[in-house]
Amino acid sequence: MPAPVVCGTEPCYEDCLKKKTAKEELNREILDEEWEAENKIINVEKKTGEKQYKILGIMFEITRKRYYFEVVDEVEYKIGDRAVVDTARGKEIGLVYMAPKMMDEKSLVLPLKPVIRKANSEDNQQFETLKVEAQKANIIGKEKIKKHELPMKLVATEFTFDKSKLIFYFTAEGRIDFRNLVKELATIFKLRIELRQIGVRDEARILGSLGVCGKELCCRIYINKFDSVLIKMARDQGLVINPSKISGACGRLLCCIKYEYQQYADALLKCPSMGQTVNVDNSKGRVVGINPLNEYLYVDVEGKGRMRLNLDEVSFDKKEARKQHKSKKKTPEETAAKGLEAK
């Protein structure tokens, strides 16, 4: 077989390397975005050895709960759009709070439910109609609760998107026998009734309010799962144990108390405990104040009075300090505020 002729002269063989390279470059320019996206996914999967999923963040407007769903179509979704998704209770409509992005399977809880479609005008109209009907059902629900004299507070009401079920969200101190109420509501609305008891923190998230900082409640904006918040966290950060200062709209400890707690907890391990005796030069002193993040102390030094000292200017028994940090007794104020703890 004769050797291939140099490109630019005729005839040129089909398996010419330069011709193949030129075709690849041309296709790459035409399909540049698709080519880059596909190769990015392939390269990431090769590096991590894990499958990538295209994820859409959906928030349900009544409960303000947020979930991930898998995008299975090529439709463009933007923040603020509505989408119909498949859930454990059937089709539901939700608000897009996170634009589609690729995520590793290790960051997800599998299997994922799919996004069925982007909400159209009919879907949006149906959603608005259900909201109006749910408000009317809420009024009826409150009347029936009052009639049955049940110690419960109705917070919100919603229909499922296919209108197969009506859900009443309520708060109560303990367990409630609402069987007769459910029977009467089922007779009125002619569909399946669910009464779902929620906590006071969920109530605050559904109803919404402003926090002490002047901004909308964190639980309504982005907190999806409530973590435990303890009096110890407020104490370790040097906050005054005053219920009106450290409790939120729900009547429980502010969720933001936990945000910086770990930094304080780590910093406190380097510090002496309150009331511990420390050595300052040739004198002894008692710790009366701690600023763990800035690493300085207030020490009542014998013969000198109260002094502000850097952490590296004092010496102390670190084992004793850690022991006292862990076994520190609660003050009367902390004991009285025990009921504020959010668990």
Protein backbone atom coordinates (compact mmCIF):
# COMPACT_ATOMS: atom_id res chain seq x y z
CA MET A 1 0.00 0.00 0.00
CA PRO A 2 1.49 3.37 -1.00
CA ALA A 3 2.34 5.89 1.72
CA PRO A 4 -0.31 8.58 2.43
CA VAL A 5 0.11 11.76 0.49
CA VAL A 6 0.83 14.90 2.55
CA CYS A 7 -2.35 16.89 3.35
CA GLY A 8 -3.01 19.72 0.98
CA THR A 9 -2.45 17.61 -2.09
CA GLU A 10 -4.88 15.26 -3.77
CA PRO A 11 -5.91 12.57 -3.17
CA CYS A 12 -5.87 12.49 0.70
CA TYR A 13 -6.59 9.26 2.55
CA GLU A 14 -9.61 8.99 4.91
CA ASP A 15 -7.42 7.78 7.75
CA CYS A 16 -5.18 10.83 7.46
CA LEU A 17 -4.23 11.91 11.02
CA LYS A 18 -4.41 15.62 10.24
CA LYS A 19 -7.87 15.25 8.71
CA LYS A 20 -9.16 13.36 11.80
CA THR A 21 -7.74 16.02 14.12
CA ALA A 22 -9.37 18.80 12.08
CA LYS A 23 -12.78 17.06 12.23
CA GLU A 24 -12.51 16.58 15.99
CA GLU A 25 -11.65 20.25 16.49
CA LEU A 26 -14.57 21.31 14.29
CA ASN A 27 -17.03 19.10 16.21
CA ARG A 28 -15.59 20.33 19.49
CA GLU A 29 -16.20 23.96 18.51
CA ILE A 30 -19.77 23.27 17.41
CA LEU A 31 -20.67 21.19 20.47
CA ASP A 32 -18.30 22.96 22.83
CA GLU A 33 -20.63 23.28 25.84
CA GLU A 34 -21.99 19.74 25.59
CA TRP A 35 -18.51 18.33 25.04
CA GLU A 36 -17.09 20.14 28.08
CA ALA A 37 -20.00 19.10 30.31
CA GLU A 38 -19.80 15.45 29.29
CA ASN A 39 -16.02 15.30 29.67
CA LYS A 40 -16.17 17.06 33.03
CA ILE A 41 -18.56 14.41 34.35
CA ILE A 42 -16.44 11.59 32.92
CA ASN A 43 -13.22 13.03 34.36
CA VAL A 44 -14.75 13.54 37.80
CA GLU A 45 -16.16 10.02 37.81
CA LYS A 46 -12.75 8.65 36.78
CA LYS A 47 -10.97 10.54 39.56
CA THR A 48 -13.45 9.78 42.35
CA GLY A 49 -14.72 6.46 41.08
CA GLU A 50 -18.24 7.57 42.04
CA LYS A 51 -21.29 8.26 39.96
CA GLN A 52 -22.43 11.85 39.54
CA TYR A 53 -26.08 12.94 39.76
CA LYS A 54 -27.68 16.10 38.45
CA ILE A 55 -29.48 17.46 41.52
CA LEU A 56 -32.23 20.05 41.94
CA GLY A 57 -33.06 21.55 45.35
CA ILE A 58 -36.79 21.74 46.02
CA MET A 59 -38.52 23.44 48.97
CA PHE A 60 -42.14 22.73 49.86
CA GLU A 61 -43.81 26.04 50.61
CA ILE A 62 -46.02 25.06 53.56
CA THR A 63 -43.58 23.12 55.72
CA ARG A 64 -40.45 24.89 54.34
CA LYS A 65 -38.70 21.51 54.18
CA ARG A 66 -35.96 21.12 51.58
CA TYR A 67 -35.06 18.00 49.61
CA TYR A 68 -32.84 16.92 46.70
CA PHE A 69 -34.36 15.48 43.53
CA GLU A 70 -32.70 14.06 40.43
CA VAL A 71 -33.09 15.96 37.16
CA VAL A 72 -33.86 13.48 34.40
CA ASP A 73 -34.63 15.91 31.55
CA GLU A 74 -32.81 18.74 29.77
CA VAL A 75 -35.18 21.49 30.89
CA GLU A 76 -33.59 24.62 32.38
CA TYR A 77 -34.56 25.24 36.02
CA LYS A 78 -33.92 28.54 37.81
CA ILE A 79 -34.24 29.56 41.44
CA GLY A 80 -37.83 30.66 42.05
CA ASP A 81 -39.36 28.27 39.47
CA ARG A 82 -41.88 25.67 40.54
CA ALA A 83 -41.44 21.99 39.68
CA VAL A 84 -43.60 18.88 40.01
CA VAL A 85 -41.69 16.09 41.75
CA ASP A 86 -42.28 12.50 42.78
CA THR A 87 -42.45 12.02 46.58
CA ALA A 88 -43.39 9.28 49.05
CA ARG A 89 -46.96 10.60 49.10
CA GLY A 90 -47.30 11.01 45.33
CA LYS A 91 -46.84 14.00 43.04
CA GLU A 92 -46.10 17.29 44.78
CA ILE A 93 -45.26 20.78 43.61
CA GLY A 94 -42.36 22.68 45.15
CA LEU A 95 -40.21 25.77 44.76
CA VAL A 96 -36.69 25.59 43.31
CA TYR A 97 -34.27 26.97 45.93
CA MET A 98 -31.06 25.53 44.42
CA ALA A 99 -30.24 25.49 40.70
CA PRO A 100 -29.26 22.13 39.15
CA LYS A 101 -25.71 20.97 39.90
CA MET A 102 -23.66 17.78 39.76
CA MET A 103 -23.09 15.98 43.08
CA ASP A 104 -21.23 12.82 44.11
CA GLU A 105 -23.31 9.89 45.32
CA LYS A 106 -21.47 9.96 48.67
CA SER A 107 -23.05 13.39 49.34
CA LEU A 108 -26.57 12.08 48.72
CA VAL A 109 -29.08 9.75 50.29
CA LEU A 110 -30.01 7.24 47.62
CA PRO A 111 -32.28 6.37 45.91
CA LEU A 112 -33.32 9.81 44.69
CA LYS A 113 -36.82 10.70 43.58
CA PRO A 114 -37.03 12.30 40.10
CA VAL A 115 -38.20 15.72 38.98
CA ILE A 116 -41.25 14.98 36.82
CA ARG A 117 -41.50 18.30 35.02
CA LYS A 118 -41.21 22.04 35.30
CA ALA A 119 -44.53 23.41 36.53
CA ASN A 120 -46.70 24.82 33.76
CA SER A 121 -49.52 27.37 34.00
CA GLU A 122 -52.06 24.64 34.82
CA ASP A 123 -49.90 23.30 37.64
CA ASN A 124 -49.43 26.78 39.09
CA GLN A 125 -53.17 27.47 38.86
CA GLN A 126 -53.97 24.19 40.60
CA PHE A 127 -51.47 25.00 43.36
CA GLU A 128 -52.99 28.44 43.99
CA THR A 129 -56.49 26.94 44.03
CA LEU A 130 -55.43 24.31 46.58
CA LYS A 131 -53.91 27.02 48.78
CA VAL A 132 -57.22 28.92 48.87
CA GLU A 133 -59.16 25.72 49.62
CA ALA A 134 -56.66 24.80 52.36
CA GLN A 135 -57.24 28.18 54.04
CA LYS A 136 -60.99 27.50 54.10
CA ALA A 137 -60.35 23.99 55.48
CA ASN A 138 -58.16 25.54 58.18
CA ILE A 139 -61.06 27.68 59.41
CA ILE A 140 -63.36 24.66 59.51
CA GLY A 141 -60.69 22.63 61.31
CA LYS A 142 -60.35 25.27 64.05
CA GLU A 143 -64.12 25.34 64.54
CA LYS A 144 -64.28 21.56 64.92
CA ILE A 145 -61.34 21.50 67.35
CA LYS A 146 -63.15 24.06 69.49
CA LYS A 147 -66.36 22.04 69.27
CA HIS A 148 -64.63 18.85 70.47
CA GLU A 149 -62.77 20.85 73.17
CA LEU A 150 -59.39 19.37 72.28
CA PRO A 151 -56.21 20.91 73.82
CA MET A 152 -54.46 21.41 70.49
CA LYS A 153 -53.46 24.36 68.30
CA LEU A 154 -53.97 24.14 64.55
CA VAL A 155 -50.95 25.65 62.77
CA ALA A 156 -51.46 25.01 59.04
CA THR A 157 -53.45 22.99 56.55
CA GLU A 158 -52.56 21.69 53.08
CA PHE A 159 -53.89 19.43 50.34
CA THR A 160 -51.61 17.03 48.52
CA PHE A 161 -51.13 18.08 44.89
CA ASP A 162 -53.44 15.32 43.59
CA LYS A 163 -55.99 16.32 46.27
CA SER A 164 -56.18 12.78 47.64
CA LYS A 165 -55.37 13.83 51.20
CA LEU A 166 -55.91 16.80 53.51
CA ILE A 167 -53.22 17.34 56.16
CA PHE A 168 -53.70 19.35 59.37
CA TYR A 169 -50.53 20.37 61.23
CA PHE A 170 -51.00 21.01 64.95
CA THR A 171 -49.12 21.44 68.21
CA ALA A 172 -50.10 20.03 71.61
CA GLU A 173 -48.51 19.38 74.99
CA GLY A 174 -48.99 15.62 74.84
CA ARG A 175 -50.86 12.90 72.97
CA ILE A 176 -54.38 13.80 71.79
CA ASP A 177 -57.28 11.44 71.12
CA PHE A 178 -58.67 13.04 67.96
CA ARG A 179 -60.44 10.03 66.43
CA ASN A 180 -63.88 11.65 66.57
CA LEU A 181 -62.48 14.84 65.05
CA VAL A 182 -60.96 12.89 62.13
CA LYS A 183 -64.27 11.13 61.47
CA GLU A 184 -66.16 14.42 61.33
CA LEU A 185 -63.56 16.07 59.07
CA ALA A 186 -63.59 13.06 56.71
CA THR A 187 -67.39 13.35 56.48
CA ILE A 188 -67.13 17.04 55.60
CA PHE A 189 -64.30 16.92 53.04
CA LYS A 190 -64.98 13.42 51.61
CA LEU A 191 -61.30 12.47 51.42
CA ARG A 192 -58.50 11.05 53.52
CA ILE A 193 -57.63 13.16 56.60
CA GLU A 194 -54.26 13.24 58.35
CA LEU A 195 -53.61 15.11 61.61
CA ARG A 196 -49.87 15.53 62.04
CA GLN A 197 -48.44 16.70 65.37
CA ILE A 198 -45.39 18.96 65.09
CA GLY A 199 -43.06 20.64 67.58
CA VAL A 200 -42.84 24.31 68.48
CA ARG A 201 -39.74 24.78 66.30
CA ASP A 202 -41.61 23.40 63.27
CA GLU A 203 -44.49 25.74 64.14
CA ALA A 204 -42.16 28.75 64.06
CA ARG A 205 -40.75 27.60 60.71
CA ILE A 206 -44.20 27.29 59.16
CA LEU A 207 -45.64 30.55 60.51
CA GLY A 208 -42.46 32.59 60.07
CA SER A 209 -41.24 35.60 62.03
CA LEU A 210 -38.21 37.83 62.60
CA GLY A 211 -35.37 36.86 64.90
CA VAL A 212 -33.70 39.07 67.53
CA CYS A 213 -31.16 39.99 64.85
CA GLY A 214 -33.91 41.58 62.74
CA LYS A 215 -33.68 38.99 59.96
CA GLU A 216 -36.10 36.25 58.97
CA LEU A 217 -35.82 33.09 61.07
CA CYS A 218 -32.92 30.82 60.09
CA CYS A 219 -35.20 27.77 60.20
CA ARG A 220 -37.43 29.34 57.57
CA ILE A 221 -34.57 30.34 55.29
CA TYR A 222 -32.15 27.41 55.27
CA ILE A 223 -32.17 25.11 58.36
CA ASN A 224 -33.64 21.77 57.30
CA LYS A 225 -32.87 19.56 60.30
CA PHE A 226 -33.00 20.91 63.83
CA ASP A 227 -29.96 20.18 66.01
CA SER A 228 -29.90 20.06 69.80
CA VAL A 229 -29.12 23.37 71.49
CA LEU A 230 -28.15 23.18 75.19
CA ILE A 231 -27.72 25.68 78.02
CA LYS A 232 -24.08 24.55 78.25
CA MET A 233 -23.46 26.00 74.78
CA ALA A 234 -24.69 29.42 75.86
CA ARG A 235 -22.68 29.26 79.10
CA ASP A 236 -19.42 28.30 77.34
CA GLN A 237 -19.81 31.28 75.00
CA GLY A 238 -20.19 33.66 77.95
CA LEU A 239 -23.83 34.55 77.21
CA VAL A 240 -26.04 35.87 79.99
CA ILE A 241 -28.52 33.14 80.90
CA ASN A 242 -31.60 35.30 80.46
CA PRO A 243 -34.54 33.54 78.74
CA SER A 244 -35.66 36.71 76.97
CA LYS A 245 -32.17 37.17 75.49
CA ILE A 246 -31.27 33.64 74.41
CA SER A 247 -34.64 32.18 73.30
CA GLY A 248 -36.17 32.50 69.85
CA ALA A 249 -39.67 32.91 68.43
CA CYS A 250 -40.40 29.25 69.21
CA GLY A 251 -39.64 29.71 72.92
CA ARG A 252 -36.58 27.45 72.70
CA LEU A 253 -32.88 28.36 72.73
CA LEU A 254 -31.73 30.26 69.64
CA CYS A 255 -30.46 27.91 66.92
CA CYS A 256 -27.60 30.35 66.23
CA ILE A 257 -26.11 29.58 69.65
CA LYS A 258 -24.78 26.38 68.10
CA TYR A 259 -23.21 28.02 65.05
CA GLU A 260 -19.94 29.04 66.76
CA TYR A 261 -20.07 26.67 69.70
CA GLN A 262 -17.44 24.25 68.39
CA GLN A 263 -14.87 27.05 68.04
CA TYR A 264 -15.52 28.08 71.65
CA ALA A 265 -15.39 24.47 72.87
CA ASP A 266 -12.02 23.92 71.16
CA ALA A 267 -10.63 27.22 72.46
CA LEU A 268 -11.79 26.51 76.04
CA LEU A 269 -9.63 23.38 76.12
CA LYS A 270 -6.58 25.68 76.11
CA CYS A 271 -7.91 27.85 78.94
CA PRO A 272 -8.20 27.45 82.72
CA SER A 273 -11.72 27.15 84.11
CA MET A 274 -13.59 29.91 85.92
CA GLY A 275 -12.44 30.16 89.55
CA GLN A 276 -9.30 28.08 88.96
CA THR A 277 -6.06 29.16 90.62
CA VAL A 278 -3.31 30.11 88.16
CA ASN A 279 0.34 31.20 88.49
CA VAL A 280 1.26 34.72 87.36
CA ASP A 281 5.01 35.40 87.59
CA ASN A 282 5.72 34.82 91.28
CA SER A 283 2.11 35.32 92.39
CA LYS A 284 -1.10 33.35 92.36
CA GLY A 285 -4.48 34.47 91.11
CA ARG A 286 -8.03 33.32 90.57
CA VAL A 287 -9.64 33.35 87.12
CA VAL A 288 -12.73 35.60 87.08
CA GLY A 289 -13.23 35.98 83.34
CA ILE A 290 -12.32 34.18 80.10
CA ASN A 291 -12.26 35.27 76.46
CA PRO A 292 -11.35 31.96 74.76
CA LEU A 293 -11.34 33.13 71.14
CA ASN A 294 -9.02 36.08 71.79
CA GLU A 295 -7.01 34.01 74.29
CA TYR A 296 -6.95 36.36 77.25
CA LEU A 297 -8.15 36.11 80.86
CA TYR A 298 -9.22 38.34 83.72
CA VAL A 299 -7.37 37.22 86.83
CA ASP A 300 -7.72 38.46 90.41
CA VAL A 301 -4.02 38.46 91.39
CA GLU A 302 -3.04 38.47 95.07
CA GLY A 303 -1.83 41.92 96.12
CA LYS A 304 -2.36 43.42 92.63
CA GLY A 305 -6.09 43.18 92.04
CA ARG A 306 -7.86 42.30 88.81
CA MET A 307 -5.65 42.14 85.73
CA ARG A 308 -6.14 41.32 82.08
CA LEU A 309 -3.54 38.76 81.00
CA ASN A 310 -2.81 36.88 77.81
CA LEU A 311 -3.09 33.11 77.98
CA ASP A 312 0.67 32.65 77.52
CA GLU A 313 1.33 34.87 80.58
CA VAL A 314 -0.17 32.40 83.05
CA SER A 315 0.47 28.76 83.92
CA PHE A 316 -2.09 26.32 85.30
CA ASP A 317 -2.96 22.65 85.70
CA LYS A 318 -4.52 21.70 82.34
CA LYS A 319 -5.89 18.37 83.56
CA GLU A 320 -7.71 20.08 86.39
CA ALA A 321 -9.03 22.72 83.96
CA ARG A 322 -10.49 20.10 81.61
CA LYS A 323 -12.00 18.21 84.52
CA GLN A 324 -13.68 21.36 85.82
CA HIS A 325 -14.91 22.31 82.33
CA LYS A 326 -16.69 18.95 82.04
CA SER A 327 -18.08 18.77 85.58
CA LYS A 328 -19.04 22.42 86.03
CA LYS A 329 -22.20 22.71 88.13
CA LYS A 330 -25.16 24.62 86.79
CA THR A 331 -26.08 27.97 88.30
CA PRO A 332 -29.67 28.59 89.51
CA GLU A 333 -30.28 30.64 86.34
CA GLU A 334 -29.15 27.73 84.14
CA THR A 335 -31.34 25.28 86.07
CA ALA A 336 -34.36 27.59 85.67
CA ALA A 337 -33.70 27.89 81.91
CA LYS A 338 -33.44 24.10 81.43
CA GLY A 339 -36.88 24.03 79.79
CA LEU A 340 -35.59 26.22 76.94
CA GLU A 341 -33.25 23.53 75.65
CA ALA A 342 -34.08 22.43 72.13
CA LYS A 343 -33.44 18.71 71.65
